[in-house]
Amino acid sequence: MSESNSSPSFEVKLAELEALVRQMEQGSMPLDHSLDAFEKGVRLAKECHTILDTASQKVTEIKQSGEETPFEPEA
């Protein structure tokens, strides 16, 4: 799977989430934009959490089996 065909990486999603949080913390967004940003932030947080869960499961599998297998996030 090539990088250009996959969804954004964990790092990209986390950076986007952090940027949204910074914008919202400034308090200068109109309410409707804040609500949209909050909704997007919740979605990004869930996606990041899913990626982390997948990575954690992979680490557990590797530790239990002693074998190395490539990690390919599904999110």
C-alpha atoms as a PDB file:
ATOM      1  CA  MET A   1       0.000   0.000   0.000  1.00  0.00           C
ATOM      2  CA  SER A   2       1.564   3.306  -1.011  1.00  0.00           C
ATOM      3  CA  GLU A   3       1.488   6.393   1.159  1.00  0.00           C
ATOM      4  CA  SER A   4      -0.447   8.458  -1.418  1.00  0.00           C
ATOM      5  CA  ASN A   5      -3.347   5.957  -1.553  1.00  0.00           C
ATOM      6  CA  SER A   6      -3.744   5.486   2.193  1.00  0.00           C
ATOM      7  CA  SER A   7      -5.557   7.633   4.715  1.00  0.00           C
ATOM      8  CA  PRO A   8      -3.542  10.244   6.608  1.00  0.00           C
ATOM      9  CA  SER A   9      -1.104   8.870   9.155  1.00  0.00           C
ATOM     10  CA  PHE A  10      -1.564   8.969  12.899  1.00  0.00           C
ATOM     11  CA  GLU A  11       0.893  11.854  13.111  1.00  0.00           C
ATOM     12  CA  VAL A  12      -1.010  13.886  10.512  1.00  0.00           C
ATOM     13  CA  LYS A  13      -4.334  13.277  12.253  1.00  0.00           C
ATOM     14  CA  LEU A  14      -2.874  14.137  15.651  1.00  0.00           C
ATOM     15  CA  ALA A  15      -1.340  17.365  14.320  1.00  0.00           C
ATOM     16  CA  GLU A  16      -4.693  18.336  12.802  1.00  0.00           C
ATOM     17  CA  LEU A  17      -6.437  17.609  16.103  1.00  0.00           C
ATOM     18  CA  GLU A  18      -3.892  19.696  18.016  1.00  0.00           C
ATOM     19  CA  ALA A  19      -4.356  22.585  15.576  1.00  0.00           C
ATOM     20  CA  LEU A  20      -8.133  22.444  16.059  1.00  0.00           C
ATOM     21  CA  VAL A  21      -7.721  22.485  19.829  1.00  0.00           C
ATOM     22  CA  ARG A  22      -5.414  25.518  19.652  1.00  0.00           C
ATOM     23  CA  GLN A  23      -7.902  27.387  17.454  1.00  0.00           C
ATOM     24  CA  MET A  24     -10.780  26.586  19.767  1.00  0.00           C
ATOM     25  CA  GLU A  25      -8.810  27.575  22.867  1.00  0.00           C
ATOM     26  CA  GLN A  26      -8.266  31.036  21.419  1.00  0.00           C
ATOM     27  CA  GLY A  27     -12.005  31.605  21.725  1.00  0.00           C
ATOM     28  CA  SER A  28     -12.266  33.699  18.575  1.00  0.00           C
ATOM     29  CA  MET A  29     -14.224  31.204  16.455  1.00  0.00           C
ATOM     30  CA  PRO A  30     -17.900  31.827  15.819  1.00  0.00           C
ATOM     31  CA  LEU A  31     -20.158  29.297  17.516  1.00  0.00           C
ATOM     32  CA  ASP A  32     -21.060  27.407  14.334  1.00  0.00           C
ATOM     33  CA  HIS A  33     -17.366  27.054  13.421  1.00  0.00           C
ATOM     34  CA  SER A  34     -16.579  25.923  16.965  1.00  0.00           C
ATOM     35  CA  LEU A  35     -19.247  23.232  16.756  1.00  0.00           C
ATOM     36  CA  ASP A  36     -17.903  22.037  13.394  1.00  0.00           C
ATOM     37  CA  ALA A  37     -14.357  22.027  14.774  1.00  0.00           C
ATOM     38  CA  PHE A  38     -15.493  20.120  17.869  1.00  0.00           C
ATOM     39  CA  GLU A  39     -17.254  17.503  15.730  1.00  0.00           C
ATOM     40  CA  LYS A  40     -14.176  17.098  13.540  1.00  0.00           C
ATOM     41  CA  GLY A  41     -11.977  16.915  16.642  1.00  0.00           C
ATOM     42  CA  VAL A  42     -14.064  14.121  18.138  1.00  0.00           C
ATOM     43  CA  ARG A  43     -13.828  12.185  14.862  1.00  0.00           C
ATOM     44  CA  LEU A  44     -10.051  12.689  14.682  1.00  0.00           C
ATOM     45  CA  ALA A  45      -9.631  11.645  18.314  1.00  0.00           C
ATOM     46  CA  LYS A  46     -11.585   8.429  17.656  1.00  0.00           C
ATOM     47  CA  GLU A  47      -9.514   7.697  14.548  1.00  0.00           C
ATOM     48  CA  CYS A  48      -6.265   8.247  16.483  1.00  0.00           C
ATOM     49  CA  HIS A  49      -7.526   6.030  19.291  1.00  0.00           C
ATOM     50  CA  THR A  50      -8.343   3.265  16.789  1.00  0.00           C
ATOM     51  CA  ILE A  51      -4.865   3.473  15.274  1.00  0.00           C
ATOM     52  CA  LEU A  52      -3.275   3.294  18.731  1.00  0.00           C
ATOM     53  CA  ASP A  53      -5.449   0.306  19.678  1.00  0.00           C
ATOM     54  CA  THR A  54      -4.402  -1.487  16.493  1.00  0.00           C
ATOM     55  CA  ALA A  55      -0.737  -0.773  17.176  1.00  0.00           C
ATOM     56  CA  SER A  56      -1.097  -1.972  20.767  1.00  0.00           C
ATOM     57  CA  GLN A  57      -2.725  -5.208  19.632  1.00  0.00           C
ATOM     58  CA  LYS A  58       0.060  -5.714  17.099  1.00  0.00           C
ATOM     59  CA  VAL A  59       2.721  -5.225  19.790  1.00  0.00           C
ATOM     60  CA  THR A  60       0.955  -7.757  22.005  1.00  0.00           C
ATOM     61  CA  GLU A  61       0.781 -10.261  19.135  1.00  0.00           C
ATOM     62  CA  ILE A  62       4.470  -9.808  18.353  1.00  0.00           C
ATOM     63  CA  LYS A  63       5.442 -10.227  22.000  1.00  0.00           C
ATOM     64  CA  GLN A  64       3.345 -13.377  22.319  1.00  0.00           C
ATOM     65  CA  SER A  65       4.439 -15.005  19.063  1.00  0.00           C
ATOM     66  CA  GLY A  66       8.018 -13.783  18.905  1.00  0.00           C
ATOM     67  CA  GLU A  67       7.534 -13.170  15.180  1.00  0.00           C
ATOM     68  CA  GLU A  68       7.755  -9.901  13.314  1.00  0.00           C
ATOM     69  CA  THR A  69       4.934  -9.001  10.959  1.00  0.00           C
ATOM     70  CA  PRO A  70       4.443  -5.714   9.082  1.00  0.00           C
ATOM     71  CA  PHE A  71       2.181  -3.165  10.734  1.00  0.00           C
ATOM     72  CA  GLU A  72      -0.504  -1.753   8.459  1.00  0.00           C
ATOM     73  CA  PRO A  73      -3.067   0.441  10.247  1.00  0.00           C
ATOM     74  CA  GLU A  74      -6.624  -0.066   9.085  1.00  0.00           C
ATOM     75  CA  ALA A  75      -7.803   3.453   9.936  1.00  0.00           C
END
